[in-house]
């Protein structure tokens, strides 16, 4: 399972619908995420460019992409951004592999 940060912006029509009928979106999303094999870790409303922020635990990229596509196609979201996340332990493992990869940065040409 992998973690993903999902940020979404509602359309004005979606906001109008939520004002007429406030509803917990986590309750509406959880069955969808479960059907795709995942779990909502947390879900928040936010200020700024995105109206809602969520952390999702999903089997993989295809599953989170399926959710993002379905949300975008549903008409209530005008923007959605998905960012893969790593745990601290995964980050440490990546750093160890990077340190042992043998990569050498490009070198500037010597001045003549």
PDB file of N, CA and C in Angstrom:
ATOM      1  N   UNK A   1       0.854  -1.175   0.000  1.00  0.00           N
ATOM      2  CA  UNK A   1       0.000   0.000   0.000  1.00  0.00           C
ATOM      3  C   UNK A   1       0.901   1.239   0.000  1.00  0.00           C
ATOM      4  N   UNK A   2       0.413   2.277  -0.652  1.00  0.00           N
ATOM      5  CA  UNK A   2       1.164   3.524  -0.771  1.00  0.00           C
ATOM      6  C   UNK A   2       0.285   4.696  -0.317  1.00  0.00           C
ATOM      7  N   UNK A   3       0.947   5.738   0.139  1.00  0.00           N
ATOM      8  CA  UNK A   3       0.241   6.930   0.595  1.00  0.00           C
ATOM      9  C   UNK A   3       0.259   8.005  -0.491  1.00  0.00           C
ATOM     10  N   UNK A   4      -0.839   8.752  -0.568  1.00  0.00           N
ATOM     11  CA  UNK A   4      -0.976   9.829  -1.541  1.00  0.00           C
ATOM     12  C   UNK A   4      -1.637  11.025  -0.880  1.00  0.00           C
ATOM     13  N   UNK A   5      -1.137  12.205  -1.216  1.00  0.00           N
ATOM     14  CA  UNK A   5      -1.776  13.457  -0.847  1.00  0.00           C
ATOM     15  C   UNK A   5      -2.663  13.844  -2.018  1.00  0.00           C
ATOM     16  N   UNK A   6      -3.951  14.046  -1.752  1.00  0.00           N
ATOM     17  CA  UNK A   6      -4.894  14.445  -2.802  1.00  0.00           C
ATOM     18  C   UNK A   6      -5.452  15.810  -2.422  1.00  0.00           C
ATOM     19  N   UNK A   7      -5.292  16.776  -3.329  1.00  0.00           N
ATOM     20  CA  UNK A   7      -5.796  18.128  -3.128  1.00  0.00           C
ATOM     21  C   UNK A   7      -6.818  18.397  -4.223  1.00  0.00           C
ATOM     22  N   UNK A   8      -7.969  18.934  -3.833  1.00  0.00           N
ATOM     23  CA  UNK A   8      -9.025  19.188  -4.811  1.00  0.00           C
ATOM     24  C   UNK A   8      -9.679  20.533  -4.564  1.00  0.00           C
ATOM     25  N   UNK A   9     -10.149  21.122  -5.658  1.00  0.00           N
ATOM     26  CA  UNK A   9     -10.885  22.381  -5.611  1.00  0.00           C
ATOM     27  C   UNK A   9     -12.289  22.131  -6.143  1.00  0.00           C
ATOM     28  N   UNK A  10     -13.291  22.499  -5.352  1.00  0.00           N
ATOM     29  CA  UNK A  10     -14.679  22.325  -5.774  1.00  0.00           C
ATOM     30  C   UNK A  10     -15.064  23.368  -6.827  1.00  0.00           C
ATOM     31  N   UNK A  11     -16.038  23.020  -7.645  1.00  0.00           N
ATOM     32  CA  UNK A  11     -16.638  23.987  -8.566  1.00  0.00           C
ATOM     33  C   UNK A  11     -17.593  24.875  -7.771  1.00  0.00           C
ATOM     34  N   UNK A  12     -17.945  26.051  -8.303  1.00  0.00           N
ATOM     35  CA  UNK A  12     -18.952  26.877  -7.620  1.00  0.00           C
ATOM     36  C   UNK A  12     -20.267  26.118  -7.419  1.00  0.00           C
ATOM     37  N   UNK A  13     -20.619  25.280  -8.379  1.00  0.00           N
ATOM     38  CA  UNK A  13     -21.864  24.498  -8.267  1.00  0.00           C
ATOM     39  C   UNK A  13     -21.787  23.493  -7.113  1.00  0.00           C
ATOM     40  N   UNK A  14     -20.626  22.888  -6.927  1.00  0.00           N
ATOM     41  CA  UNK A  14     -20.460  21.944  -5.814  1.00  0.00           C
ATOM     42  C   UNK A  14     -20.561  22.672  -4.480  1.00  0.00           C
ATOM     43  N   UNK A  15     -19.940  23.871  -4.392  1.00  0.00           N
ATOM     44  CA  UNK A  15     -20.055  24.653  -3.166  1.00  0.00           C
ATOM     45  C   UNK A  15     -21.508  25.023  -2.898  1.00  0.00           C
ATOM     46  N   UNK A  16     -22.236  25.416  -3.946  1.00  0.00           N
ATOM     47  CA  UNK A  16     -23.653  25.773  -3.777  1.00  0.00           C
ATOM     48  C   UNK A  16     -24.439  24.566  -3.256  1.00  0.00           C
ATOM     49  N   UNK A  17     -24.167  23.395  -3.796  1.00  0.00           N
ATOM     50  CA  UNK A  17     -24.845  22.176  -3.340  1.00  0.00           C
ATOM     51  C   UNK A  17     -24.506  21.881  -1.880  1.00  0.00           C
ATOM     52  N   UNK A  18     -23.241  22.077  -1.497  1.00  0.00           N
ATOM     53  CA  UNK A  18     -22.840  21.838  -0.111  1.00  0.00           C
ATOM     54  C   UNK A  18     -23.467  22.858   0.840  1.00  0.00           C
ATOM     55  N   UNK A  19     -23.666  24.084   0.371  1.00  0.00           N
ATOM     56  CA  UNK A  19     -24.333  25.084   1.212  1.00  0.00           C
ATOM     57  C   UNK A  19     -25.799  24.738   1.425  1.00  0.00           C
ATOM     58  N   UNK A  20     -26.447  24.236   0.365  1.00  0.00           N
ATOM     59  CA  UNK A  20     -27.860  23.832   0.482  1.00  0.00           C
ATOM     60  C   UNK A  20     -28.008  22.581   1.338  1.00  0.00           C
ATOM     61  N   UNK A  21     -27.009  21.688   1.235  1.00  0.00           N
ATOM     62  CA  UNK A  21     -27.091  20.403   1.919  1.00  0.00           C
ATOM     63  C   UNK A  21     -25.702  20.014   2.429  1.00  0.00           C
ATOM     64  N   UNK A  22     -25.260  20.596   3.550  1.00  0.00           N
ATOM     65  CA  UNK A  22     -23.947  20.235   4.083  1.00  0.00           C
ATOM     66  C   UNK A  22     -23.875  18.731   4.344  1.00  0.00           C
ATOM     67  N   UNK A  23     -22.775  18.142   3.930  1.00  0.00           N
ATOM     68  CA  UNK A  23     -22.641  16.690   4.059  1.00  0.00           C
ATOM     69  C   UNK A  23     -21.192  16.313   4.308  1.00  0.00           C
ATOM     70  N   UNK A  24     -20.968  15.303   5.115  1.00  0.00           N
ATOM     71  CA  UNK A  24     -19.594  14.852   5.361  1.00  0.00           C
ATOM     72  C   UNK A  24     -19.058  14.112   4.129  1.00  0.00           C
ATOM     73  N   UNK A  25     -18.118  14.709   3.426  1.00  0.00           N
ATOM     74  CA  UNK A  25     -17.622  14.115   2.191  1.00  0.00           C
ATOM     75  C   UNK A  25     -16.868  12.814   2.442  1.00  0.00           C
ATOM     76  N   UNK A  26     -16.262  12.671   3.613  1.00  0.00           N
ATOM     77  CA  UNK A  26     -15.553  11.427   3.910  1.00  0.00           C
ATOM     78  C   UNK A  26     -16.508  10.238   3.845  1.00  0.00           C
ATOM     79  N   UNK A  27     -17.738  10.425   4.317  1.00  0.00           N
ATOM     80  CA  UNK A  27     -18.730   9.342   4.265  1.00  0.00           C
ATOM     81  C   UNK A  27     -19.090   8.976   2.837  1.00  0.00           C
ATOM     82  N   UNK A  28     -19.118   9.978   1.962  1.00  0.00           N
ATOM     83  CA  UNK A  28     -19.434   9.720   0.557  1.00  0.00           C
ATOM     84  C   UNK A  28     -18.253   9.103  -0.181  1.00  0.00           C
ATOM     85  N   UNK A  29     -17.029   9.484   0.202  1.00  0.00           N
ATOM     86  CA  UNK A  29     -15.835   9.007  -0.505  1.00  0.00           C
ATOM     87  C   UNK A  29     -15.357   7.644  -0.039  1.00  0.00           C
ATOM     88  N   UNK A  30     -15.560   7.329   1.243  1.00  0.00           N
ATOM     89  CA  UNK A  30     -15.007   6.090   1.793  1.00  0.00           C
ATOM     90  C   UNK A  30     -15.415   4.836   1.013  1.00  0.00           C
ATOM     91  N   UNK A  31     -16.692   4.652   0.627  1.00  0.00           N
ATOM     92  CA  UNK A  31     -17.042   3.452  -0.143  1.00  0.00           C
ATOM     93  C   UNK A  31     -16.324   3.389  -1.499  1.00  0.00           C
ATOM     94  N   UNK A  32     -16.117   4.545  -2.113  1.00  0.00           N
ATOM     95  CA  UNK A  32     -15.410   4.592  -3.396  1.00  0.00           C
ATOM     96  C   UNK A  32     -13.963   4.158  -3.205  1.00  0.00           C
ATOM     97  N   UNK A  33     -13.306   4.729  -2.203  1.00  0.00           N
ATOM     98  CA  UNK A  33     -11.908   4.398  -1.920  1.00  0.00           C
ATOM     99  C   UNK A  33     -11.776   2.927  -1.536  1.00  0.00           C
ATOM    100  N   UNK A  34     -12.706   2.424  -0.726  1.00  0.00           N
ATOM    101  CA  UNK A  34     -12.671   1.009  -0.347  1.00  0.00           C
ATOM    102  C   UNK A  34     -12.843   0.104  -1.562  1.00  0.00           C
ATOM    103  N   UNK A  35     -13.732   0.482  -2.472  1.00  0.00           N
ATOM    104  CA  UNK A  35     -13.946  -0.310  -3.683  1.00  0.00           C
ATOM    105  C   UNK A  35     -12.671  -0.384  -4.524  1.00  0.00           C
ATOM    106  N   UNK A  36     -11.852   0.672  -4.438  1.00  0.00           N
ATOM    107  CA  UNK A  36     -10.580   0.697  -5.158  1.00  0.00           C
ATOM    108  C   UNK A  36      -9.450   0.069  -4.343  1.00  0.00           C
ATOM    109  N   UNK A  37      -9.796  -0.491  -3.169  1.00  0.00           N
ATOM    110  CA  UNK A  37      -8.814  -1.215  -2.362  1.00  0.00           C
ATOM    111  C   UNK A  37      -8.072  -0.364  -1.354  1.00  0.00           C
ATOM    112  N   UNK A  38      -8.550   0.869  -1.118  1.00  0.00           N
ATOM    113  CA  UNK A  38      -7.813   1.773  -0.253  1.00  0.00           C
ATOM    114  C   UNK A  38      -8.555   2.216   0.977  1.00  0.00           C
ATOM    115  N   UNK A  39      -7.986   3.223   1.626  1.00  0.00           N
ATOM    116  CA  UNK A  39      -8.531   3.759   2.869  1.00  0.00           C
ATOM    117  C   UNK A  39      -8.221   5.253   2.936  1.00  0.00           C
ATOM    118  N   UNK A  40      -9.179   6.037   3.441  1.00  0.00           N
ATOM    119  CA  UNK A  40      -8.928   7.449   3.708  1.00  0.00           C
ATOM    120  C   UNK A  40      -8.273   7.532   5.082  1.00  0.00           C
ATOM    121  N   UNK A  41      -7.052   8.036   5.117  1.00  0.00           N
ATOM    122  CA  UNK A  41      -6.352   8.220   6.389  1.00  0.00           C
ATOM    123  C   UNK A  41      -6.841   9.481   7.087  1.00  0.00           C
ATOM    124  N   UNK A  42      -7.012  10.571   6.315  1.00  0.00           N
ATOM    125  CA  UNK A  42      -7.516  11.826   6.874  1.00  0.00           C
ATOM    126  C   UNK A  42      -8.050  12.683   5.737  1.00  0.00           C
ATOM    127  N   UNK A  43      -8.988  13.560   6.081  1.00  0.00           N
ATOM    128  CA  UNK A  43      -9.599  14.442   5.092  1.00  0.00           C
ATOM    129  C   UNK A  43      -9.912  15.766   5.776  1.00  0.00           C
ATOM    130  N   UNK A  44      -9.522  16.861   5.127  1.00  0.00           N
ATOM    131  CA  UNK A  44      -9.680  18.192   5.712  1.00  0.00           C
ATOM    132  C   UNK A  44     -10.224  19.171   4.690  1.00  0.00           C
ATOM    133  N   UNK A  45     -10.912  20.204   5.170  1.00  0.00           N
ATOM    134  CA  UNK A  45     -11.183  21.386   4.354  1.00  0.00           C
ATOM    135  C   UNK A  45     -10.006  22.324   4.580  1.00  0.00           C
ATOM    136  N   UNK A  46      -9.707  23.156   3.575  1.00  0.00           N
ATOM    137  CA  UNK A  46      -8.517  23.993   3.664  1.00  0.00           C
ATOM    138  C   UNK A  46      -8.750  25.360   3.047  1.00  0.00           C
ATOM    139  N   UNK A  47      -7.919  26.304   3.426  1.00  0.00           N
ATOM    140  CA  UNK A  47      -7.870  27.616   2.795  1.00  0.00           C
ATOM    141  C   UNK A  47      -6.836  27.545   1.680  1.00  0.00           C
ATOM    142  N   UNK A  48      -6.947  28.436   0.715  1.00  0.00           N
ATOM    143  CA  UNK A  48      -5.912  28.516  -0.317  1.00  0.00           C
ATOM    144  C   UNK A  48      -6.382  27.991  -1.652  1.00  0.00           C
ATOM    145  N   UNK A  49      -5.439  27.490  -2.434  1.00  0.00           N
ATOM    146  CA  UNK A  49      -5.723  27.038  -3.798  1.00  0.00           C
ATOM    147  C   UNK A  49      -6.632  25.809  -3.839  1.00  0.00           C
ATOM    148  N   UNK A  50      -6.583  24.989  -2.804  1.00  0.00           N
ATOM    149  CA  UNK A  50      -7.384  23.768  -2.774  1.00  0.00           C
ATOM    150  C   UNK A  50      -8.357  23.818  -1.611  1.00  0.00           C
ATOM    151  N   UNK A  51      -9.567  23.336  -1.852  1.00  0.00           N
ATOM    152  CA  UNK A  51     -10.631  23.370  -0.847  1.00  0.00           C
ATOM    153  C   UNK A  51     -10.601  22.182   0.091  1.00  0.00           C
ATOM    154  N   UNK A  52     -10.084  21.069  -0.391  1.00  0.00           N
ATOM    155  CA  UNK A  52     -10.046  19.860   0.419  1.00  0.00           C
ATOM    156  C   UNK A  52      -8.701  19.165   0.222  1.00  0.00           C
ATOM    157  N   UNK A  53      -8.191  18.617   1.323  1.00  0.00           N
ATOM    158  CA  UNK A  53      -6.901  17.935   1.341  1.00  0.00           C
ATOM    159  C   UNK A  53      -7.134  16.572   1.987  1.00  0.00           C
ATOM    160  N   UNK A  54      -6.628  15.528   1.362  1.00  0.00           N
ATOM    161  CA  UNK A  54      -6.775  14.200   1.940  1.00  0.00           C
ATOM    162  C   UNK A  54      -5.500  13.393   1.844  1.00  0.00           C
ATOM    163  N   UNK A  55      -5.334  12.497   2.797  1.00  0.00           N
ATOM    164  CA  UNK A  55      -4.262  11.506   2.749  1.00  0.00           C
ATOM    165  C   UNK A  55      -4.953  10.162   2.534  1.00  0.00           C
ATOM    166  N   UNK A  56      -4.586   9.500   1.460  1.00  0.00           N
ATOM    167  CA  UNK A  56      -5.197   8.227   1.087  1.00  0.00           C
ATOM    168  C   UNK A  56      -4.137   7.136   1.092  1.00  0.00           C
ATOM    169  N   UNK A  57      -4.498   5.956   1.565  1.00  0.00           N
ATOM    170  CA  UNK A  57      -3.634   4.787   1.519  1.00  0.00           C
ATOM    171  C   UNK A  57      -4.234   3.870   0.462  1.00  0.00           C
ATOM    172  N   UNK A  58      -3.520   3.729  -0.657  1.00  0.00           N
ATOM    173  CA  UNK A  58      -4.055   3.003  -1.811  1.00  0.00           C
ATOM    174  C   UNK A  58      -3.082   1.913  -2.254  1.00  0.00           C
ATOM    175  N   UNK A  59      -3.595   0.882  -2.950  1.00  0.00           N
ATOM    176  CA  UNK A  59      -2.714  -0.184  -3.421  1.00  0.00           C
ATOM    177  C   UNK A  59      -1.617   0.312  -4.373  1.00  0.00           C
ATOM    178  N   UNK A  60      -1.906   1.310  -5.191  1.00  0.00           N
ATOM    179  CA  UNK A  60      -0.879   1.781  -6.115  1.00  0.00           C
ATOM    180  C   UNK A  60      -1.364   2.921  -6.983  1.00  0.00           C
ATOM    181  N   UNK A  61      -0.512   3.303  -7.923  1.00  0.00           N
ATOM    182  CA  UNK A  61      -0.778   4.448  -8.788  1.00  0.00           C
ATOM    183  C   UNK A  61      -2.058   4.314  -9.606  1.00  0.00           C
ATOM    184  N   UNK A  62      -2.310   3.135 -10.130  1.00  0.00           N
ATOM    185  CA  UNK A  62      -3.499   2.935 -10.965  1.00  0.00           C
ATOM    186  C   UNK A  62      -4.766   3.197 -10.149  1.00  0.00           C
ATOM    187  N   UNK A  63      -4.781   2.762  -8.909  1.00  0.00           N
ATOM    188  CA  UNK A  63      -5.969   2.909  -8.058  1.00  0.00           C
ATOM    189  C   UNK A  63      -6.223   4.370  -7.687  1.00  0.00           C
ATOM    190  N   UNK A  64      -5.174   5.103  -7.331  1.00  0.00           N
ATOM    191  CA  UNK A  64      -5.373   6.509  -6.993  1.00  0.00           C
ATOM    192  C   UNK A  64      -5.695   7.306  -8.257  1.00  0.00           C
ATOM    193  N   UNK A  65      -5.117   6.914  -9.396  1.00  0.00           N
ATOM    194  CA  UNK A  65      -5.450   7.579 -10.661  1.00  0.00           C
ATOM    195  C   UNK A  65      -6.918   7.349 -11.002  1.00  0.00           C
ATOM    196  N   UNK A  66      -7.421   6.145 -10.760  1.00  0.00           N
ATOM    197  CA  UNK A  66      -8.833   5.860 -11.022  1.00  0.00           C
ATOM    198  C   UNK A  66      -9.725   6.769 -10.181  1.00  0.00           C
ATOM    199  N   UNK A  67      -9.353   6.969  -8.918  1.00  0.00           N
ATOM    200  CA  UNK A  67     -10.126   7.881  -8.072  1.00  0.00           C
ATOM    201  C   UNK A  67     -10.073   9.303  -8.613  1.00  0.00           C
ATOM    202  N   UNK A  68      -8.886   9.778  -8.954  1.00  0.00           N
ATOM    203  CA  UNK A  68      -8.733  11.150  -9.456  1.00  0.00           C
ATOM    204  C   UNK A  68      -9.528  11.351 -10.743  1.00  0.00           C
ATOM    205  N   UNK A  69      -9.509  10.379 -11.617  1.00  0.00           N
ATOM    206  CA  UNK A  69     -10.255  10.464 -12.877  1.00  0.00           C
ATOM    207  C   UNK A  69     -11.755  10.506 -12.593  1.00  0.00           C
ATOM    208  N   UNK A  70     -12.220   9.629 -11.702  1.00  0.00           N
ATOM    209  CA  UNK A  70     -13.647   9.604 -11.362  1.00  0.00           C
ATOM    210  C   UNK A  70     -14.076  10.924 -10.732  1.00  0.00           C
ATOM    211  N   UNK A  71     -13.243  11.473  -9.840  1.00  0.00           N
ATOM    212  CA  UNK A  71     -13.588  12.745  -9.194  1.00  0.00           C
ATOM    213  C   UNK A  71     -13.621  13.875 -10.219  1.00  0.00           C
ATOM    214  N   UNK A  72     -12.646  13.897 -11.115  1.00  0.00           N
ATOM    215  CA  UNK A  72     -12.614  14.947 -12.141  1.00  0.00           C
ATOM    216  C   UNK A  72     -13.805  14.822 -13.088  1.00  0.00           C
ATOM    217  N   UNK A  73     -14.169  13.608 -13.434  1.00  0.00           N
ATOM    218  CA  UNK A  73     -15.276  13.380 -14.367  1.00  0.00           C
ATOM    219  C   UNK A  73     -16.639  13.630 -13.729  1.00  0.00           C
ATOM    220  N   UNK A  74     -16.692  13.599 -12.401  1.00  0.00           N
ATOM    221  CA  UNK A  74     -17.972  13.764 -11.704  1.00  0.00           C
ATOM    222  C   UNK A  74     -18.575  15.151 -11.798  1.00  0.00           C
ATOM    223  N   UNK A  75     -17.766  16.155 -12.117  1.00  0.00           N
ATOM    224  CA  UNK A  75     -18.279  17.499 -12.309  1.00  0.00           C
ATOM    225  C   UNK A  75     -18.264  18.397 -11.084  1.00  0.00           C
ATOM    226  N   UNK A  76     -17.953  17.871  -9.911  1.00  0.00           N
ATOM    227  CA  UNK A  76     -17.947  18.697  -8.705  1.00  0.00           C
ATOM    228  C   UNK A  76     -16.586  19.259  -8.356  1.00  0.00           C
ATOM    229  N   UNK A  77     -15.567  18.798  -9.089  1.00  0.00           N
ATOM    230  CA  UNK A  77     -14.196  19.211  -8.815  1.00  0.00           C
ATOM    231  C   UNK A  77     -13.645  19.894 -10.056  1.00  0.00           C
ATOM    232  N   UNK A  78     -13.080  21.098  -9.866  1.00  0.00           N
ATOM    233  CA  UNK A  78     -12.511  21.785 -11.034  1.00  0.00           C
ATOM    234  C   UNK A  78     -11.006  21.604 -11.126  1.00  0.00           C
ATOM    235  N   UNK A  79     -10.361  21.155 -10.053  1.00  0.00           N
ATOM    236  CA  UNK A  79      -8.930  20.863 -10.069  1.00  0.00           C
ATOM    237  C   UNK A  79      -8.653  19.769  -9.050  1.00  0.00           C
ATOM    238  N   UNK A  80      -7.746  18.866  -9.427  1.00  0.00           N
ATOM    239  CA  UNK A  80      -7.339  17.815  -8.499  1.00  0.00           C
ATOM    240  C   UNK A  80      -5.858  17.563  -8.716  1.00  0.00           C
ATOM    241  N   UNK A  81      -5.134  17.431  -7.627  1.00  0.00           N
ATOM    242  CA  UNK A  81      -3.692  17.208  -7.681  1.00  0.00           C
ATOM    243  C   UNK A  81      -3.363  16.040  -6.763  1.00  0.00           C
ATOM    244  N   UNK A  82      -2.600  15.087  -7.274  1.00  0.00           N
ATOM    245  CA  UNK A  82      -2.233  13.907  -6.509  1.00  0.00           C
ATOM    246  C   UNK A  82      -0.716  13.851  -6.376  1.00  0.00           C
ATOM    247  N   UNK A  83      -0.235  13.688  -5.152  1.00  0.00           N
ATOM    248  CA  UNK A  83       1.196  13.633  -4.882  1.00  0.00           C
ATOM    249  C   UNK A  83       1.515  12.335  -4.150  1.00  0.00           C
ATOM    250  N   UNK A  84       2.371  11.483  -4.729  1.00  0.00           N
ATOM    251  CA  UNK A  84       2.795  10.278  -4.002  1.00  0.00           C
ATOM    252  C   UNK A  84       3.611  10.678  -2.770  1.00  0.00           C
ATOM    253  N   UNK A  85       3.428   9.972  -1.685  1.00  0.00           N
ATOM    254  CA  UNK A  85       4.140  10.246  -0.439  1.00  0.00           C
ATOM    255  C   UNK A  85       4.980   9.042  -0.044  1.00  0.00           C
ATOM    256  N   UNK A  86       6.048   9.309   0.704  1.00  0.00           N
ATOM    257  CA  UNK A  86       6.869   8.235   1.268  1.00  0.00           C
ATOM    258  C   UNK A  86       6.869   8.374   2.782  1.00  0.00           C
ATOM    259  N   UNK A  87       6.913   7.264   3.467  1.00  0.00           N
ATOM    260  CA  UNK A  87       7.102   7.302   4.906  1.00  0.00           C
ATOM    261  C   UNK A  87       8.548   7.746   5.177  1.00  0.00           C
ATOM    262  N   UNK A  88       8.827   8.123   6.401  1.00  0.00           N
ATOM    263  CA  UNK A  88      10.187   8.506   6.768  1.00  0.00           C
ATOM    264  C   UNK A  88      11.143   7.331   6.536  1.00  0.00           C
ATOM    265  N   UNK A  89      10.709   6.124   6.879  1.00  0.00           N
ATOM    266  CA  UNK A  89      11.551   4.946   6.659  1.00  0.00           C
ATOM    267  C   UNK A  89      11.833   4.722   5.170  1.00  0.00           C
ATOM    268  N   UNK A  90      10.822   4.912   4.333  1.00  0.00           N
ATOM    269  CA  UNK A  90      11.038   4.787   2.883  1.00  0.00           C
ATOM    270  C   UNK A  90      12.005   5.862   2.385  1.00  0.00           C
ATOM    271  N   UNK A  91      11.877   7.071   2.920  1.00  0.00           N
ATOM    272  CA  UNK A  91      12.791   8.144   2.558  1.00  0.00           C
ATOM    273  C   UNK A  91      14.222   7.815   2.945  1.00  0.00           C
ATOM    274  N   UNK A  92      14.413   7.280   4.134  1.00  0.00           N
ATOM    275  CA  UNK A  92      15.749   6.872   4.593  1.00  0.00           C
ATOM    276  C   UNK A  92      16.309   5.786   3.677  1.00  0.00           C
ATOM    277  N   UNK A  93      15.471   4.822   3.299  1.00  0.00           N
ATOM    278  CA  UNK A  93      15.910   3.767   2.384  1.00  0.00           C
ATOM    279  C   UNK A  93      16.316   4.363   1.031  1.00  0.00           C
ATOM    280  N   UNK A  94      15.542   5.324   0.536  1.00  0.00           N
ATOM    281  CA  UNK A  94      15.876   5.985  -0.727  1.00  0.00           C
ATOM    282  C   UNK A  94      17.200   6.731  -0.620  1.00  0.00           C
ATOM    283  N   UNK A  95      17.437   7.397   0.517  1.00  0.00           N
ATOM    284  CA  UNK A  95      18.696   8.110   0.716  1.00  0.00           C
ATOM    285  C   UNK A  95      19.886   7.157   0.716  1.00  0.00           C
ATOM    286  N   UNK A  96      19.718   6.003   1.366  1.00  0.00           N
ATOM    287  CA  UNK A  96      20.786   5.006   1.400  1.00  0.00           C
ATOM    288  C   UNK A  96      21.081   4.492  -0.010  1.00  0.00           C
ATOM    289  N   UNK A  97      20.031   4.199  -0.759  1.00  0.00           N
ATOM    290  CA  UNK A  97      20.226   3.725  -2.135  1.00  0.00           C
ATOM    291  C   UNK A  97      20.867   4.809  -2.989  1.00  0.00           C
ATOM    292  N   UNK A  98      20.455   6.056  -2.801  1.00  0.00           N
ATOM    293  CA  UNK A  98      21.047   7.160  -3.564  1.00  0.00           C
ATOM    294  C   UNK A  98      22.530   7.305  -3.248  1.00  0.00           C
ATOM    295  N   UNK A  99      22.871   7.203  -1.969  1.00  0.00           N
ATOM    296  CA  UNK A  99      24.272   7.339  -1.558  1.00  0.00           C
ATOM    297  C   UNK A  99      25.146   6.245  -2.164  1.00  0.00           C
ATOM    298  N   UNK A 100      24.575   5.080  -2.418  1.00  0.00           N
ATOM    299  CA  UNK A 100      25.334   3.953  -2.955  1.00  0.00           C
ATOM    300  C   UNK A 100      25.134   3.744  -4.451  1.00  0.00           C
ATOM    301  N   UNK A 101      24.455   4.692  -5.114  1.00  0.00           N
ATOM    302  CA  UNK A 101      24.121   4.496  -6.532  1.00  0.00           C
ATOM    303  C   UNK A 101      25.284   4.726  -7.484  1.00  0.00           C
ATOM    304  N   UNK A 102      26.291   5.477  -7.040  1.00  0.00           N
ATOM    305  CA  UNK A 102      27.420   5.765  -7.917  1.00  0.00           C
ATOM    306  C   UNK A 102      27.196   6.954  -8.839  1.00  0.00           C
ATOM    307  N   UNK A 103      26.101   7.676  -8.650  1.00  0.00           N
ATOM    308  CA  UNK A 103      25.815   8.829  -9.500  1.00  0.00           C
ATOM    309  C   UNK A 103      26.886   9.897  -9.322  1.00  0.00           C
ATOM    310  N   UNK A 104      27.322  10.487 -10.451  1.00  0.00           N
ATOM    311  CA  UNK A 104      28.279  11.589 -10.436  1.00  0.00           C
ATOM    312  C   UNK A 104      27.638  12.765 -11.154  1.00  0.00           C
ATOM    313  N   UNK A 105      27.637  13.927 -10.508  1.00  0.00           N
ATOM    314  CA  UNK A 105      27.042  15.130 -11.097  1.00  0.00           C
ATOM    315  C   UNK A 105      27.885  15.606 -12.289  1.00  0.00           C
ATOM    316  N   UNK A 106      27.251  16.297 -13.231  1.00  0.00           N
ATOM    317  CA  UNK A 106      28.012  16.860 -14.355  1.00  0.00           C
ATOM    318  C   UNK A 106      29.086  17.812 -13.819  1.00  0.00           C
ATOM    319  N   UNK A 107      30.217  17.813 -14.465  1.00  0.00           N
ATOM    320  CA  UNK A 107      31.321  18.676 -14.069  1.00  0.00           C
ATOM    321  C   UNK A 107      31.464  19.823 -15.054  1.00  0.00           C
ATOM    322  N   UNK A 108      31.764  20.990 -14.531  1.00  0.00           N
ATOM    323  CA  UNK A 108      32.013  22.145 -15.381  1.00  0.00           C
ATOM    324  C   UNK A 108      33.315  21.925 -16.144  1.00  0.00           C
ATOM    325  N   UNK A 109      33.365  22.437 -17.366  1.00  0.00           N
ATOM    326  CA  UNK A 109      34.590  22.330 -18.159  1.00  0.00           C
ATOM    327  C   UNK A 109      35.694  23.153 -17.498  1.00  0.00           C
ATOM    328  N   UNK A 110      36.869  22.643 -17.522  1.00  0.00           N
ATOM    329  CA  UNK A 110      38.010  23.363 -16.942  1.00  0.00           C
ATOM    330  C   UNK A 110      38.325  24.594 -17.783  1.00  0.00           C
ATOM    331  N   UNK A 111      38.629  25.688 -17.110  1.00  0.00           N
ATOM    332  CA  UNK A 111      39.001  26.926 -17.825  1.00  0.00           C
ATOM    333  C   UNK A 111      40.375  26.746 -18.439  1.00  0.00           C
ATOM    334  N   UNK A 112      40.560  27.278 -19.628  1.00  0.00           N
ATOM    335  CA  UNK A 112      41.855  27.138 -20.305  1.00  0.00           C
ATOM    336  C   UNK A 112      42.704  28.351 -20.092  1.00  0.00           C
TER     337      UNK A 112
END
